[in-house]
Amino acid sequence: MTDNKVDTEKLILEAARKVFIRKGLDGARMQEIADEAGINKALLHYYFRSKDKLFKMVFREAMGKF
């Protein structure tokens, strides 16, 4: 994986974490996560096809810190 791809994934995951904390899974929107990350929604969907998959990845990362 290239550094740019890793950096973009980290950027998305951090933005998603912030939005999920504020809005929860049901209240969060992919557009809102893309806006928080400073990317367009198409790029967000390229990396994470669904909000559920993105949430699972954020959750896994959070659990890995414990």
PDB file of N, CA and C in Angstrom:
ATOM      1  N   MET A   1       0.847  -1.175   0.000  1.00  0.00           N
ATOM      2  CA  MET A   1       0.000   0.000   0.000  1.00  0.00           C
ATOM      3  C   MET A   1       0.896   1.244   0.000  1.00  0.00           C
ATOM      4  N   THR A   2       0.562   2.222  -0.800  1.00  0.00           N
ATOM      5  CA  THR A   2       1.375   3.428  -0.878  1.00  0.00           C
ATOM      6  C   THR A   2       1.118   4.319   0.328  1.00  0.00           C
ATOM      7  N   ASP A   3       2.057   5.223   0.575  1.00  0.00           N
ATOM      8  CA  ASP A   3       1.911   6.154   1.698  1.00  0.00           C
ATOM      9  C   ASP A   3       0.681   7.028   1.544  1.00  0.00           C
ATOM     10  N   ASN A   4       0.398   7.472   0.311  1.00  0.00           N
ATOM     11  CA  ASN A   4      -0.781   8.317   0.085  1.00  0.00           C
ATOM     12  C   ASN A   4      -2.064   7.584   0.436  1.00  0.00           C
ATOM     13  N   LYS A   5      -2.140   6.313   0.063  1.00  0.00           N
ATOM     14  CA  LYS A   5      -3.343   5.528   0.355  1.00  0.00           C
ATOM     15  C   LYS A   5      -3.493   5.338   1.859  1.00  0.00           C
ATOM     16  N   VAL A   6      -2.405   5.041   2.536  1.00  0.00           N
ATOM     17  CA  VAL A   6      -2.438   4.879   3.992  1.00  0.00           C
ATOM     18  C   VAL A   6      -2.844   6.188   4.649  1.00  0.00           C
ATOM     19  N   ASP A   7      -2.266   7.299   4.206  1.00  0.00           N
ATOM     20  CA  ASP A   7      -2.603   8.608   4.767  1.00  0.00           C
ATOM     21  C   ASP A   7      -4.074   8.942   4.550  1.00  0.00           C
ATOM     22  N   THR A   8      -4.592   8.651   3.373  1.00  0.00           N
ATOM     23  CA  THR A   8      -5.999   8.933   3.079  1.00  0.00           C
ATOM     24  C   THR A   8      -6.905   8.074   3.945  1.00  0.00           C
ATOM     25  N   GLU A   9      -6.572   6.808   4.110  1.00  0.00           N
ATOM     26  CA  GLU A   9      -7.381   5.933   4.966  1.00  0.00           C
ATOM     27  C   GLU A   9      -7.376   6.429   6.405  1.00  0.00           C
ATOM     28  N   LYS A  10      -6.222   6.834   6.896  1.00  0.00           N
ATOM     29  CA  LYS A  10      -6.140   7.360   8.266  1.00  0.00           C
ATOM     30  C   LYS A  10      -6.957   8.632   8.407  1.00  0.00           C
ATOM     31  N   LEU A  11      -6.888   9.494   7.417  1.00  0.00           N
ATOM     32  CA  LEU A  11      -7.664  10.734   7.416  1.00  0.00           C
ATOM     33  C   LEU A  11      -9.159  10.430   7.472  1.00  0.00           C
ATOM     34  N   ILE A  12      -9.596   9.483   6.664  1.00  0.00           N
ATOM     35  CA  ILE A  12     -11.009   9.098   6.639  1.00  0.00           C
ATOM     36  C   ILE A  12     -11.423   8.487   7.974  1.00  0.00           C
ATOM     37  N   LEU A  13     -10.612   7.601   8.508  1.00  0.00           N
ATOM     38  CA  LEU A  13     -10.961   6.948   9.771  1.00  0.00           C
ATOM     39  C   LEU A  13     -11.057   7.952  10.911  1.00  0.00           C
ATOM     40  N   GLU A  14     -10.160   8.910  10.951  1.00  0.00           N
ATOM     41  CA  GLU A  14     -10.216   9.936  12.002  1.00  0.00           C
ATOM     42  C   GLU A  14     -11.458  10.806  11.842  1.00  0.00           C
ATOM     43  N   ALA A  15     -11.759  11.193  10.620  1.00  0.00           N
ATOM     44  CA  ALA A  15     -12.962  11.997  10.373  1.00  0.00           C
ATOM     45  C   ALA A  15     -14.211  11.208  10.740  1.00  0.00           C
ATOM     46  N   ALA A  16     -14.245   9.944  10.365  1.00  0.00           N
ATOM     47  CA  ALA A  16     -15.403   9.098  10.675  1.00  0.00           C
ATOM     48  C   ALA A  16     -15.563   8.941  12.179  1.00  0.00           C
ATOM     49  N   ARG A  17     -14.467   8.748  12.879  1.00  0.00           N
ATOM     50  CA  ARG A  17     -14.521   8.617  14.338  1.00  0.00           C
ATOM     51  C   ARG A  17     -15.172   9.842  14.958  1.00  0.00           C
ATOM     52  N   LYS A  18     -14.760  11.027  14.509  1.00  0.00           N
ATOM     53  CA  LYS A  18     -15.329  12.273  15.040  1.00  0.00           C
ATOM     54  C   LYS A  18     -16.826  12.372  14.757  1.00  0.00           C
ATOM     55  N   VAL A  19     -17.213  12.052  13.536  1.00  0.00           N
ATOM     56  CA  VAL A  19     -18.631  12.148  13.160  1.00  0.00           C
ATOM     57  C   VAL A  19     -19.452  11.099  13.905  1.00  0.00           C
ATOM     58  N   PHE A  20     -18.946   9.880  14.019  1.00  0.00           N
ATOM     59  CA  PHE A  20     -19.681   8.843  14.744  1.00  0.00           C
ATOM     60  C   PHE A  20     -19.839   9.206  16.222  1.00  0.00           C
ATOM     61  N   ILE A  21     -18.839   9.820  16.811  1.00  0.00           N
ATOM     62  CA  ILE A  21     -18.950  10.253  18.207  1.00  0.00           C
ATOM     63  C   ILE A  21     -20.038  11.305  18.343  1.00  0.00           C
ATOM     64  N   ARG A  22     -20.077  12.246  17.413  1.00  0.00           N
ATOM     65  CA  ARG A  22     -21.077  13.328  17.476  1.00  0.00           C
ATOM     66  C   ARG A  22     -22.484  12.855  17.146  1.00  0.00           C
ATOM     67  N   LYS A  23     -22.609  12.007  16.127  1.00  0.00           N
ATOM     68  CA  LYS A  23     -23.922  11.688  15.567  1.00  0.00           C
ATOM     69  C   LYS A  23     -24.386  10.251  15.792  1.00  0.00           C
ATOM     70  N   GLY A  24     -23.466   9.358  16.124  1.00  0.00           N
ATOM     71  CA  GLY A  24     -23.825   7.947  16.210  1.00  0.00           C
ATOM     72  C   GLY A  24     -23.878   7.319  14.825  1.00  0.00           C
ATOM     73  N   LEU A  25     -24.032   6.013  14.796  1.00  0.00           N
ATOM     74  CA  LEU A  25     -24.057   5.301  13.513  1.00  0.00           C
ATOM     75  C   LEU A  25     -25.245   5.729  12.664  1.00  0.00           C
ATOM     76  N   ASP A  26     -26.414   5.773  13.255  1.00  0.00           N
ATOM     77  CA  ASP A  26     -27.616   6.105  12.480  1.00  0.00           C
ATOM     78  C   ASP A  26     -27.655   7.561  12.033  1.00  0.00           C
ATOM     79  N   GLY A  27     -27.109   8.464  12.838  1.00  0.00           N
ATOM     80  CA  GLY A  27     -27.167   9.886  12.507  1.00  0.00           C
ATOM     81  C   GLY A  27     -26.084  10.356  11.560  1.00  0.00           C
ATOM     82  N   ALA A  28     -24.994   9.602  11.479  1.00  0.00           N
ATOM     83  CA  ALA A  28     -23.873   9.986  10.617  1.00  0.00           C
ATOM     84  C   ALA A  28     -24.228   9.759   9.151  1.00  0.00           C
ATOM     85  N   ARG A  29     -23.748  10.635   8.304  1.00  0.00           N
ATOM     86  CA  ARG A  29     -23.940  10.522   6.856  1.00  0.00           C
ATOM     87  C   ARG A  29     -22.571  10.474   6.186  1.00  0.00           C
ATOM     88  N   MET A  30     -22.482   9.717   5.113  1.00  0.00           N
ATOM     89  CA  MET A  30     -21.215   9.603   4.397  1.00  0.00           C
ATOM     90  C   MET A  30     -20.741  10.966   3.893  1.00  0.00           C
ATOM     91  N   GLN A  31     -21.652  11.806   3.446  1.00  0.00           N
ATOM     92  CA  GLN A  31     -21.273  13.141   2.981  1.00  0.00           C
ATOM     93  C   GLN A  31     -20.649  13.946   4.115  1.00  0.00           C
ATOM     94  N   GLU A  32     -21.198  13.818   5.297  1.00  0.00           N
ATOM     95  CA  GLU A  32     -20.673  14.522   6.463  1.00  0.00           C
ATOM     96  C   GLU A  32     -19.258  14.042   6.804  1.00  0.00           C
ATOM     97  N   ILE A  33     -19.033  12.750   6.696  1.00  0.00           N
ATOM     98  CA  ILE A  33     -17.702  12.191   6.949  1.00  0.00           C
ATOM     99  C   ILE A  33     -16.723  12.679   5.883  1.00  0.00           C
ATOM    100  N   ALA A  34     -17.147  12.684   4.637  1.00  0.00           N
ATOM    101  CA  ALA A  34     -16.296  13.189   3.553  1.00  0.00           C
ATOM    102  C   ALA A  34     -15.956  14.654   3.780  1.00  0.00           C
ATOM    103  N   ASP A  35     -16.935  15.449   4.173  1.00  0.00           N
ATOM    104  CA  ASP A  35     -16.692  16.869   4.445  1.00  0.00           C
ATOM    105  C   ASP A  35     -15.698  17.042   5.584  1.00  0.00           C
ATOM    106  N   GLU A  36     -15.855  16.266   6.634  1.00  0.00           N
ATOM    107  CA  GLU A  36     -14.951  16.331   7.795  1.00  0.00           C
ATOM    108  C   GLU A  36     -13.523  15.980   7.380  1.00  0.00           C
ATOM    109  N   ALA A  37     -13.386  15.023   6.462  1.00  0.00           N
ATOM    110  CA  ALA A  37     -12.065  14.594   5.993  1.00  0.00           C
ATOM    111  C   ALA A  37     -11.493  15.520   4.920  1.00  0.00           C
ATOM    112  N   GLY A  38     -12.338  16.385   4.350  1.00  0.00           N
ATOM    113  CA  GLY A  38     -11.881  17.284   3.296  1.00  0.00           C
ATOM    114  C   GLY A  38     -11.712  16.593   1.954  1.00  0.00           C
ATOM    115  N   ILE A  39     -12.502  15.556   1.728  1.00  0.00           N
ATOM    116  CA  ILE A  39     -12.450  14.821   0.463  1.00  0.00           C
ATOM    117  C   ILE A  39     -13.852  14.768  -0.133  1.00  0.00           C
ATOM    118  N   ASN A  40     -13.949  14.315  -1.387  1.00  0.00           N
ATOM    119  CA  ASN A  40     -15.290  14.175  -1.963  1.00  0.00           C
ATOM    120  C   ASN A  40     -15.864  12.798  -1.621  1.00  0.00           C
ATOM    121  N   LYS A  41     -17.174  12.703  -1.719  1.00  0.00           N
ATOM    122  CA  LYS A  41     -17.866  11.476  -1.316  1.00  0.00           C
ATOM    123  C   LYS A  41     -17.473  10.286  -2.189  1.00  0.00           C
ATOM    124  N   ALA A  42     -17.178  10.518  -3.456  1.00  0.00           N
ATOM    125  CA  ALA A  42     -16.765   9.420  -4.337  1.00  0.00           C
ATOM    126  C   ALA A  42     -15.475   8.771  -3.835  1.00  0.00           C
ATOM    127  N   LEU A  43     -14.532   9.591  -3.379  1.00  0.00           N
ATOM    128  CA  LEU A  43     -13.281   9.050  -2.850  1.00  0.00           C
ATOM    129  C   LEU A  43     -13.541   8.271  -1.563  1.00  0.00           C
ATOM    130  N   LEU A  44     -14.415   8.778  -0.728  1.00  0.00           N
ATOM    131  CA  LEU A  44     -14.778   8.063   0.499  1.00  0.00           C
ATOM    132  C   LEU A  44     -15.343   6.683   0.159  1.00  0.00           C
ATOM    133  N   HIS A  45     -16.233   6.620  -0.819  1.00  0.00           N
ATOM    134  CA  HIS A  45     -16.824   5.343  -1.216  1.00  0.00           C
ATOM    135  C   HIS A  45     -15.810   4.429  -1.904  1.00  0.00           C
ATOM    136  N   TYR A  46     -14.775   4.981  -2.505  1.00  0.00           N
ATOM    137  CA  TYR A  46     -13.708   4.165  -3.082  1.00  0.00           C
ATOM    138  C   TYR A  46     -12.993   3.380  -1.977  1.00  0.00           C
ATOM    139  N   TYR A  47     -12.741   4.047  -0.859  1.00  0.00           N
ATOM    140  CA  TYR A  47     -12.035   3.418   0.255  1.00  0.00           C
ATOM    141  C   TYR A  47     -12.946   2.551   1.116  1.00  0.00           C
ATOM    142  N   PHE A  48     -14.157   3.016   1.350  1.00  0.00           N
ATOM    143  CA  PHE A  48     -15.103   2.306   2.213  1.00  0.00           C
ATOM    144  C   PHE A  48     -16.462   2.303   1.527  1.00  0.00           C
ATOM    145  N   ARG A  49     -16.883   1.155   1.057  1.00  0.00           N
ATOM    146  CA  ARG A  49     -18.103   1.040   0.248  1.00  0.00           C
ATOM    147  C   ARG A  49     -19.383   1.341   1.016  1.00  0.00           C
ATOM    148  N   SER A  50     -19.356   1.169   2.336  1.00  0.00           N
ATOM    149  CA  SER A  50     -20.576   1.410   3.105  1.00  0.00           C
ATOM    150  C   SER A  50     -20.248   2.034   4.456  1.00  0.00           C
ATOM    151  N   LYS A  51     -21.221   2.688   5.015  1.00  0.00           N
ATOM    152  CA  LYS A  51     -21.071   3.301   6.335  1.00  0.00           C
ATOM    153  C   LYS A  51     -20.849   2.217   7.387  1.00  0.00           C
ATOM    154  N   ASP A  52     -21.522   1.086   7.247  1.00  0.00           N
ATOM    155  CA  ASP A  52     -21.357  -0.001   8.214  1.00  0.00           C
ATOM    156  C   ASP A  52     -19.925  -0.534   8.226  1.00  0.00           C
ATOM    157  N   LYS A  53     -19.338  -0.707   7.049  1.00  0.00           N
ATOM    158  CA  LYS A  53     -17.949  -1.178   6.984  1.00  0.00           C
ATOM    159  C   LYS A  53     -17.000  -0.151   7.596  1.00  0.00           C
ATOM    160  N   LEU A  54     -17.259   1.108   7.338  1.00  0.00           N
ATOM    161  CA  LEU A  54     -16.436   2.173   7.904  1.00  0.00           C
ATOM    162  C   LEU A  54     -16.563   2.183   9.424  1.00  0.00           C
ATOM    163  N   PHE A  55     -17.778   2.046   9.925  1.00  0.00           N
ATOM    164  CA  PHE A  55     -17.999   2.021  11.369  1.00  0.00           C
ATOM    165  C   PHE A  55     -17.261   0.847  12.009  1.00  0.00           C
ATOM    166  N   LYS A  56     -17.330  -0.323  11.378  1.00  0.00           N
ATOM    167  CA  LYS A  56     -16.638  -1.499  11.915  1.00  0.00           C
ATOM    168  C   LYS A  56     -15.134  -1.270  11.988  1.00  0.00           C
ATOM    169  N   MET A  57     -14.578  -0.627  10.978  1.00  0.00           N
ATOM    170  CA  MET A  57     -13.142  -0.356  10.976  1.00  0.00           C
ATOM    171  C   MET A  57     -12.773   0.635  12.084  1.00  0.00           C
ATOM    172  N   VAL A  58     -13.571   1.672  12.254  1.00  0.00           N
ATOM    173  CA  VAL A  58     -13.332   2.647  13.327  1.00  0.00           C
ATOM    174  C   VAL A  58     -13.424   1.940  14.678  1.00  0.00           C
ATOM    175  N   PHE A  59     -14.419   1.090  14.844  1.00  0.00           N
ATOM    176  CA  PHE A  59     -14.611   0.357  16.094  1.00  0.00           C
ATOM    177  C   PHE A  59     -13.423  -0.566  16.371  1.00  0.00           C
ATOM    178  N   ARG A  60     -12.965  -1.283  15.346  1.00  0.00           N
ATOM    179  CA  ARG A  60     -11.813  -2.181  15.513  1.00  0.00           C
ATOM    180  C   ARG A  60     -10.571  -1.414  15.947  1.00  0.00           C
ATOM    181  N   GLU A  61     -10.354  -0.258  15.327  1.00  0.00           N
ATOM    182  CA  GLU A  61      -9.192   0.555  15.701  1.00  0.00           C
ATOM    183  C   GLU A  61      -9.298   1.022  17.141  1.00  0.00           C
ATOM    184  N   ALA A  62     -10.495   1.444  17.534  1.00  0.00           N
ATOM    185  CA  ALA A  62     -10.699   1.913  18.905  1.00  0.00           C
ATOM    186  C   ALA A  62     -10.462   0.776  19.900  1.00  0.00           C
ATOM    187  N   MET A  63     -10.936  -0.404  19.593  1.00  0.00           N
ATOM    188  CA  MET A  63     -10.757  -1.548  20.491  1.00  0.00           C
ATOM    189  C   MET A  63      -9.292  -1.980  20.555  1.00  0.00           C
ATOM    190  N   GLY A  64      -8.570  -1.779  19.488  1.00  0.00           N
ATOM    191  CA  GLY A  64      -7.159  -2.138  19.465  1.00  0.00           C
ATOM    192  C   GLY A  64      -6.301  -1.263  20.358  1.00  0.00           C
ATOM    193  N   LYS A  65      -6.817  -0.108  20.742  1.00  0.00           N
ATOM    194  CA  LYS A  65      -6.062   0.812  21.598  1.00  0.00           C
ATOM    195  C   LYS A  65      -6.162   0.438  23.071  1.00  0.00           C
ATOM    196  N   PHE A  66      -7.038  -0.523  23.389  1.00  0.00           N
ATOM    197  CA  PHE A  66      -7.199  -0.932  24.793  1.00  0.00           C
ATOM    198  C   PHE A  66      -6.388  -2.150  25.106  1.00  0.00           C
TER     199      PHE A  66
END
